[in-house]
Protein backbone atom coordinates (compact mmCIF):
# COMPACT_ATOMS: atom_id res chain seq x y z
CA MET A 1 -60.22 -41.79 -40.74
CA LYS A 2 -58.85 -42.35 -44.22
CA SER A 3 -58.10 -39.52 -46.64
CA LEU A 4 -59.60 -39.08 -50.08
CA THR A 5 -56.92 -41.33 -51.50
CA GLY A 6 -57.97 -44.28 -49.34
CA ASP A 7 -61.22 -45.77 -48.11
CA SER A 8 -64.14 -43.43 -47.47
CA PRO A 9 -63.89 -41.84 -44.01
CA GLN A 10 -66.81 -42.31 -41.62
CA PRO A 11 -66.93 -39.39 -39.18
CA ALA A 12 -68.90 -40.22 -36.05
CA ASN A 13 -70.03 -36.64 -35.35
CA PHE A 14 -69.99 -33.13 -36.77
CA TRP A 15 -66.66 -32.22 -35.12
CA GLU A 16 -64.99 -35.20 -36.79
CA TRP A 17 -66.52 -34.11 -40.07
CA ILE A 18 -65.14 -30.57 -39.65
CA ASN A 19 -61.71 -32.02 -38.90
CA TRP A 20 -61.85 -34.29 -41.96
CA PHE A 21 -63.12 -31.47 -44.20
CA SER A 22 -60.36 -29.15 -42.97
CA GLU A 23 -57.65 -31.75 -43.64
CA SER A 24 -59.08 -32.40 -47.11
CA LEU A 25 -58.95 -28.68 -47.89
CA LYS A 26 -55.37 -28.66 -46.66
CA ARG A 27 -54.48 -31.33 -49.22
CA PHE A 28 -56.18 -29.21 -51.88
CA GLU A 29 -54.20 -26.12 -50.85
CA ASN A 30 -50.92 -28.05 -50.85
CA ALA A 31 -51.30 -29.13 -54.48
CA PRO A 32 -48.11 -28.29 -56.43
CA GLU A 33 -47.91 -25.08 -58.38
CA CYS A 34 -46.22 -24.49 -61.71
CA GLU A 35 -43.11 -22.32 -61.79
CA PRO A 36 -44.16 -18.72 -62.63
CA ILE A 37 -43.48 -17.38 -66.10
CA SER A 38 -40.56 -15.00 -66.40
CA PRO A 39 -40.32 -12.20 -69.00
CA TYR A 40 -36.88 -13.64 -69.83
CA ASP A 41 -38.27 -17.06 -70.76
CA ASP A 42 -38.00 -18.33 -74.29
CA PRO A 43 -41.49 -18.12 -75.94
CA GLU A 44 -41.66 -21.92 -76.21
CA ILE A 45 -40.82 -22.29 -72.52
CA SER A 46 -43.43 -19.67 -71.61
CA GLU A 47 -46.06 -21.51 -73.64
CA TRP A 48 -45.15 -24.81 -71.92
CA LYS A 49 -45.28 -23.21 -68.46
CA CYS A 50 -48.66 -21.67 -69.19
CA GLU A 51 -50.04 -25.00 -70.37
CA GLU A 52 -48.66 -26.80 -67.32
CA TYR A 53 -50.07 -24.13 -64.99
CA TRP A 54 -53.59 -24.54 -66.33
CA LYS A 55 -53.35 -28.32 -66.24
CA GLN A 56 -52.51 -28.05 -62.55
CA GLN A 57 -55.31 -25.56 -61.93
CA VAL A 58 -57.86 -27.82 -63.59
CA ALA A 59 -56.62 -30.79 -61.54
CA SER A 60 -56.77 -28.66 -58.39
CA LEU A 61 -60.36 -27.64 -59.08
CA GLU A 62 -61.34 -31.25 -59.68
CA MET A 63 -59.79 -32.19 -56.33
CA LEU A 64 -61.81 -29.45 -54.62
CA LYS A 65 -65.00 -30.75 -56.25
CA LYS A 66 -64.20 -34.24 -54.97
CA VAL A 67 -63.64 -32.90 -51.44
CA ILE A 68 -66.99 -31.10 -51.55
CA TYR A 69 -69.02 -33.95 -53.06
CA GLN A 70 -67.67 -36.50 -50.59
CA GLY A 71 -67.99 -34.01 -47.74
CA ARG A 72 -71.66 -33.37 -48.55
CA LEU A 73 -72.39 -37.09 -48.62
CA LEU A 74 -70.68 -37.69 -45.28
CA LEU A 75 -72.47 -34.70 -43.76
CA MET A 76 -75.86 -36.03 -44.83
CA ASN A 77 -74.95 -39.44 -43.42
CA LEU A 78 -74.65 -37.80 -39.99
CA GLY A 79 -78.35 -37.01 -40.03
CA PRO A 80 -79.30 -33.65 -41.60
CA LYS A 81 -80.84 -33.81 -45.05
CA SER A 82 -81.18 -30.08 -45.75
CA VAL A 83 -77.50 -29.51 -46.54
CA PRO A 84 -76.89 -26.21 -48.42
CA PRO A 85 -77.36 -26.77 -52.18
CA LEU A 86 -74.40 -27.01 -54.51
CA PRO A 87 -73.55 -23.80 -56.37
CA THR A 88 -74.18 -23.56 -60.10
CA LEU A 89 -70.85 -23.80 -61.91
CA THR A 90 -70.19 -21.75 -65.04
CA LYS A 91 -67.08 -23.47 -66.41
CA ASN A 92 -65.21 -20.23 -65.82
CA PHE A 93 -62.24 -21.31 -63.70
CA ASP A 94 -61.99 -18.25 -61.45
CA ASP A 95 -65.75 -17.96 -60.89
CA ASP A 96 -66.14 -21.65 -60.15
CA ARG A 97 -63.24 -21.60 -57.70
CA VAL A 98 -64.78 -18.69 -55.77
CA ALA A 99 -68.22 -20.35 -55.80
CA LEU A 100 -66.83 -23.64 -54.50
CA MET A 101 -64.79 -21.98 -51.74
CA ASP A 102 -67.88 -20.01 -50.69
CA HIS A 103 -69.74 -23.33 -50.57
CA CYS A 104 -67.00 -24.77 -48.34
CA GLN A 105 -67.70 -21.97 -45.87
CA GLU A 106 -71.45 -22.66 -46.12
CA LEU A 107 -70.87 -26.30 -45.25
CA MET A 108 -68.68 -25.34 -42.28
CA GLU A 109 -71.35 -22.93 -41.02
CA PHE A 110 -74.00 -25.60 -41.45
CA ALA A 111 -72.00 -28.11 -39.39
CA ILE A 112 -71.41 -25.49 -36.69
CA GLY A 113 -75.17 -24.85 -36.62
CA GLU A 114 -75.84 -28.55 -36.07
CA ILE A 115 -73.31 -28.59 -33.22
CA ARG A 116 -75.04 -25.59 -31.63
CA LEU A 117 -78.31 -27.51 -31.66
CA GLU A 118 -76.64 -30.39 -29.85
CA ASP A 119 -74.93 -28.02 -27.38
CA SER A 120 -78.24 -26.27 -26.61
CA LYS A 121 -79.03 -29.17 -24.30
CA GLY A 122 -76.48 -27.72 -21.91
CA SER A 123 -72.83 -28.28 -21.04
CA THR A 124 -71.03 -28.85 -17.75
CA THR A 125 -67.57 -28.08 -19.15
CA ALA A 126 -65.51 -25.61 -17.10
CA THR A 127 -65.33 -22.10 -18.54
CA THR A 128 -63.06 -19.04 -18.20
CA ALA A 129 -63.73 -15.29 -18.18
CA ASN A 130 -63.12 -15.15 -21.92
CA ASP A 131 -64.99 -18.35 -22.75
CA GLU A 132 -67.88 -16.63 -24.53
CA ARG A 133 -65.46 -14.62 -26.64
CA ASP A 134 -63.25 -17.62 -27.37
CA LYS A 135 -66.26 -19.72 -28.37
CA TRP A 136 -67.23 -17.01 -30.86
CA LEU A 137 -63.65 -16.88 -32.16
CA TYR A 138 -63.58 -20.66 -32.51
CA GLU A 139 -66.80 -20.64 -34.50
CA GLN A 140 -65.55 -17.83 -36.75
CA CYS A 141 -62.37 -19.80 -37.44
CA CYS A 142 -64.37 -22.96 -38.19
CA LYS A 143 -66.35 -20.93 -40.74
CA LEU A 144 -63.06 -19.96 -42.42
CA VAL A 145 -63.69 -16.25 -41.86
CA LYS A 146 -60.54 -14.23 -42.64
CA TYR A 147 -58.49 -13.35 -39.56
CA GLU A 148 -58.52 -9.65 -40.48
CA THR A 149 -62.32 -9.78 -40.60
CA ILE A 150 -62.49 -11.56 -37.24
CA ILE A 151 -60.21 -8.93 -35.67
CA SER A 152 -62.38 -6.13 -37.10
CA ARG A 153 -65.61 -7.71 -35.86
CA LEU A 154 -64.12 -8.42 -32.44
CA SER A 155 -63.04 -4.79 -32.05
CA LYS A 156 -66.71 -3.78 -32.24
CA LYS A 157 -67.72 -6.15 -29.42
CA THR A 158 -66.76 -3.85 -26.57
CA LYS A 159 -67.85 -6.26 -23.84
CA TRP A 160 -65.01 -8.62 -24.77
CA GLU A 161 -61.26 -8.30 -24.33
CA PRO A 162 -59.78 -7.32 -27.73
CA ILE A 163 -57.21 -9.29 -29.75
CA ASP A 164 -55.39 -7.53 -32.58
CA THR A 165 -53.26 -10.20 -34.26
CA PRO A 166 -54.11 -13.32 -36.31
CA GLN A 167 -51.87 -15.42 -34.04
CA GLY A 168 -53.76 -14.15 -31.00
CA ILE A 169 -57.05 -15.16 -32.63
CA LYS A 170 -55.72 -18.64 -33.41
CA ASP A 171 -54.31 -19.10 -29.92
CA ALA A 172 -57.55 -18.08 -28.20
CA ALA A 173 -59.65 -20.29 -30.47
CA ASN A 174 -57.39 -23.29 -29.95
CA ARG A 175 -57.36 -22.76 -26.18
CA TYR A 176 -61.15 -22.90 -26.29
CA ALA A 177 -60.91 -26.13 -28.30
CA ASP A 178 -58.52 -27.62 -25.74
CA ARG A 179 -60.76 -26.66 -22.81
CA HIS A 180 -63.80 -28.26 -24.42
CA ASN A 181 -62.08 -31.30 -25.97
CA LEU A 182 -62.79 -30.10 -29.51
CA PRO A 183 -60.69 -30.41 -32.69
CA SER A 184 -58.18 -27.66 -33.40
CA ILE A 185 -59.40 -24.86 -35.67
CA PRO A 186 -59.51 -25.75 -39.37
CA PHE A 187 -56.72 -25.09 -41.78
CA ARG A 188 -57.02 -21.69 -43.46
CA GLN A 189 -57.80 -21.77 -47.17
CA PRO A 190 -56.39 -18.65 -48.83
CA GLY A 191 -57.15 -18.08 -52.50
CA ARG A 192 -54.44 -18.87 -55.00
CA LYS A 193 -54.09 -16.46 -57.89
CA CYS A 194 -52.62 -16.94 -61.31
CA LYS A 195 -48.97 -15.90 -61.30
CA HIS A 196 -49.00 -14.69 -64.86
CA LYS A 197 -51.27 -12.87 -67.23
C-alpha cells in the first residue's frame, strides 16, 4: 500500500488498515523537531527558534489530522459505517493534540472490535498455553495502551503468567501475531512536549 505521500492506500481488511494506520502514525512521530532553546541563546535566536518550533508543531498537527481523516475514510470503506465520531477541536494546540491522539486509540479499538466479530466465527489456528494472555496483550498493544498500564493490568490477572517489562510485553504480543499470521503490533505513539516555556 502507498503512504500518505503517494496514491491512496486500499487496505483489504481491518488488519491491513491497522498496519497502515500504525505506519502513518510513525511518520507523524518522526517529523523533525526544532532545536531546543538555550538560556545562553541570543534573544533574536531564541525568538527564531520559538517561531520555527511552533511552525513545526502546526505542520505536525496538520499531518496527524490528515492521517485521521484518511484513516476514517478507509475504515468506512471496509464496511462499518458507525465509526467513532471526530472529536471537537478547540484550536488550542495541546488540547487538540490530546483529543486527536485519543481518537487514534478509539479508531484502533473500533478496528479490533470488528476483527473480534469476524473471529467469533471460530478459528483453527494452533494455540499455546499463554495464547489467551498473549491475545489480550496483542489487543492492548493495538489499542496503543501504555506498556506500564498493560503491565499493571496484567499483574491483576492472576490466572495468567506475569510479564514485568515493556520488552516482554512486546515480545509476547508479537509472538502471538506470528502464530496467527497477523501484523506486528503497532508503532507506539508517545506524546511530544514543548521543549521550552
